[in-house]
Amino acid sequence: MTEETIKTRSCPQCGKPTVQEFRPFCSDRCKQLDLGKWFNEAYVIPGEETIPANDPEDD
């Protein structure tokens, strides 16, 4: 990627131009909002559902 390409990318949260310090986001706020979405399981990686090993139903 060229430096020009990096400068023209937009923040995945709000669409504003990115800031080098917070890349790929434009601000600390957008970075924290994205992290919060991961913690609240708003983003998921698809895969098979598994049963936890410590499931009390298996006893």
N, C-alpha and C. Protein backbone atom coordinates (compact mmCIF):
# COMPACT_ATOMS: atom_id res chain seq x y z
N MET A 1 0.82 -1.19 0.00
CA MET A 1 0.00 0.00 0.00
C MET A 1 0.86 1.24 0.00
N THR A 2 0.41 2.21 -0.72
CA THR A 2 1.15 3.47 -0.73
C THR A 2 0.65 4.35 0.40
N GLU A 3 1.44 5.35 0.72
CA GLU A 3 1.04 6.27 1.79
C GLU A 3 -0.24 7.00 1.42
N GLU A 4 -0.41 7.30 0.15
CA GLU A 4 -1.62 8.00 -0.31
C GLU A 4 -2.86 7.14 -0.08
N THR A 5 -2.77 5.82 -0.31
CA THR A 5 -3.90 4.92 -0.10
C THR A 5 -4.29 4.89 1.36
N ILE A 6 -3.32 4.85 2.24
CA ILE A 6 -3.58 4.82 3.68
C ILE A 6 -4.29 6.09 4.11
N LYS A 7 -3.89 7.23 3.60
CA LYS A 7 -4.50 8.50 3.98
C LYS A 7 -5.95 8.62 3.53
N THR A 8 -6.32 7.95 2.45
CA THR A 8 -7.66 8.11 1.92
C THR A 8 -8.65 7.11 2.49
N ARG A 9 -8.21 6.20 3.31
CA ARG A 9 -9.12 5.25 3.93
C ARG A 9 -9.99 5.95 4.96
N SER A 10 -11.17 5.39 5.19
CA SER A 10 -12.06 6.01 6.15
C SER A 10 -12.24 5.13 7.38
N CYS A 11 -12.63 5.75 8.46
CA CYS A 11 -12.86 5.09 9.73
C CYS A 11 -14.02 4.09 9.58
N PRO A 12 -13.84 2.85 10.04
CA PRO A 12 -14.92 1.86 9.91
C PRO A 12 -16.14 2.17 10.79
N GLN A 13 -15.98 3.04 11.78
CA GLN A 13 -17.10 3.39 12.65
C GLN A 13 -17.93 4.55 12.13
N CYS A 14 -17.26 5.62 11.72
CA CYS A 14 -18.01 6.84 11.36
C CYS A 14 -17.79 7.32 9.93
N GLY A 15 -16.77 6.78 9.26
CA GLY A 15 -16.52 7.15 7.87
C GLY A 15 -15.61 8.36 7.68
N LYS A 16 -15.17 8.99 8.76
CA LYS A 16 -14.24 10.12 8.64
C LYS A 16 -12.86 9.60 8.24
N PRO A 17 -11.99 10.47 7.72
CA PRO A 17 -10.63 10.04 7.38
C PRO A 17 -9.89 9.53 8.62
N THR A 18 -9.05 8.53 8.43
CA THR A 18 -8.31 7.97 9.56
C THR A 18 -7.21 8.91 10.03
N VAL A 19 -6.79 8.70 11.27
CA VAL A 19 -5.69 9.44 11.87
C VAL A 19 -4.61 8.41 12.20
N GLN A 20 -3.39 8.68 11.81
CA GLN A 20 -2.29 7.72 11.98
C GLN A 20 -2.23 7.17 13.40
N GLU A 21 -2.41 8.00 14.40
CA GLU A 21 -2.31 7.58 15.80
C GLU A 21 -3.34 6.51 16.16
N PHE A 22 -4.52 6.55 15.55
CA PHE A 22 -5.61 5.64 15.90
C PHE A 22 -5.96 4.65 14.80
N ARG A 23 -5.11 4.54 13.76
CA ARG A 23 -5.41 3.70 12.62
C ARG A 23 -5.94 2.34 13.02
N PRO A 24 -6.97 1.82 12.43
CA PRO A 24 -7.69 2.29 11.25
C PRO A 24 -8.83 3.23 11.58
N PHE A 25 -8.86 3.75 12.79
CA PHE A 25 -9.95 4.64 13.21
C PHE A 25 -9.54 6.10 13.11
N CYS A 26 -10.50 6.99 13.34
CA CYS A 26 -10.21 8.42 13.26
C CYS A 26 -9.95 9.02 14.64
N SER A 27 -10.37 8.32 15.69
CA SER A 27 -10.21 8.86 17.04
C SER A 27 -10.22 7.72 18.06
N ASP A 28 -9.85 8.07 19.28
CA ASP A 28 -9.88 7.10 20.37
C ASP A 28 -11.33 6.67 20.64
N ARG A 29 -12.26 7.59 20.49
CA ARG A 29 -13.68 7.28 20.72
C ARG A 29 -14.15 6.18 19.78
N CYS A 30 -13.87 6.31 18.49
CA CYS A 30 -14.27 5.28 17.53
C CYS A 30 -13.58 3.96 17.81
N LYS A 31 -12.33 4.01 18.24
CA LYS A 31 -11.59 2.80 18.59
C LYS A 31 -12.26 2.09 19.77
N GLN A 32 -12.66 2.86 20.78
CA GLN A 32 -13.31 2.29 21.96
C GLN A 32 -14.71 1.76 21.64
N LEU A 33 -15.43 2.44 20.76
CA LEU A 33 -16.75 1.96 20.35
C LEU A 33 -16.64 0.60 19.67
N ASP A 34 -15.64 0.45 18.82
CA ASP A 34 -15.42 -0.82 18.13
C ASP A 34 -15.07 -1.92 19.13
N LEU A 35 -14.21 -1.62 20.08
CA LEU A 35 -13.84 -2.60 21.10
C LEU A 35 -15.05 -3.02 21.91
N GLY A 36 -15.91 -2.06 22.25
CA GLY A 36 -17.13 -2.36 22.98
C GLY A 36 -18.05 -3.29 22.21
N LYS A 37 -18.10 -3.13 20.90
CA LYS A 37 -18.93 -4.03 20.09
C LYS A 37 -18.39 -5.45 20.15
N TRP A 38 -17.07 -5.61 20.14
CA TRP A 38 -16.50 -6.96 20.27
C TRP A 38 -16.84 -7.55 21.64
N PHE A 39 -16.70 -6.75 22.69
CA PHE A 39 -16.98 -7.24 24.05
C PHE A 39 -18.45 -7.62 24.22
N ASN A 40 -19.34 -6.89 23.57
CA ASN A 40 -20.78 -7.17 23.67
C ASN A 40 -21.26 -8.19 22.65
N GLU A 41 -20.31 -8.81 21.96
CA GLU A 41 -20.57 -9.84 20.96
C GLU A 41 -21.46 -9.36 19.82
N ALA A 42 -21.33 -8.08 19.47
CA ALA A 42 -22.03 -7.56 18.30
C ALA A 42 -21.36 -8.06 17.03
N TYR A 43 -20.07 -8.32 17.12
CA TYR A 43 -19.32 -8.93 16.03
C TYR A 43 -19.05 -10.38 16.43
N VAL A 44 -19.24 -11.30 15.51
CA VAL A 44 -18.92 -12.70 15.79
C VAL A 44 -18.21 -13.29 14.59
N ILE A 45 -17.40 -14.27 14.86
CA ILE A 45 -16.73 -15.01 13.81
C ILE A 45 -17.52 -16.29 13.63
N PRO A 46 -18.05 -16.54 12.43
CA PRO A 46 -18.89 -17.71 12.23
C PRO A 46 -18.13 -19.02 12.46
N GLY A 47 -18.83 -19.99 12.98
CA GLY A 47 -18.24 -21.29 13.21
C GLY A 47 -19.27 -22.20 13.86
N GLU A 48 -18.88 -23.43 14.12
CA GLU A 48 -19.78 -24.38 14.76
C GLU A 48 -19.97 -24.01 16.22
N GLU A 49 -21.18 -24.19 16.70
CA GLU A 49 -21.44 -23.97 18.11
C GLU A 49 -20.94 -25.18 18.88
N THR A 50 -20.21 -24.94 19.95
CA THR A 50 -19.67 -26.03 20.75
C THR A 50 -20.23 -25.96 22.15
N ILE A 51 -20.28 -27.08 22.82
CA ILE A 51 -20.74 -27.16 24.20
C ILE A 51 -19.50 -27.05 25.09
N PRO A 52 -19.50 -26.13 26.06
CA PRO A 52 -18.34 -26.00 26.95
C PRO A 52 -18.07 -27.30 27.71
N ALA A 53 -16.81 -27.57 27.98
CA ALA A 53 -16.41 -28.80 28.67
C ALA A 53 -16.95 -28.86 30.10
N ASN A 54 -17.17 -27.71 30.72
CA ASN A 54 -17.64 -27.69 32.11
C ASN A 54 -19.16 -27.50 32.19
N ASP A 55 -19.89 -27.95 31.19
CA ASP A 55 -21.34 -27.83 31.15
C ASP A 55 -21.97 -28.76 32.20
N PRO A 56 -22.76 -28.24 33.15
CA PRO A 56 -23.34 -29.09 34.20
C PRO A 56 -24.34 -30.12 33.67
N GLU A 57 -24.86 -29.95 32.46
CA GLU A 57 -25.81 -30.89 31.90
C GLU A 57 -25.17 -32.23 31.57
N ASP A 58 -23.86 -32.29 31.43
CA ASP A 58 -23.17 -33.52 31.09
C ASP A 58 -22.97 -34.43 32.31
N ASP A 59 -23.19 -33.95 33.51
CA ASP A 59 -22.95 -34.74 34.73
C ASP A 59 -23.99 -35.80 34.95
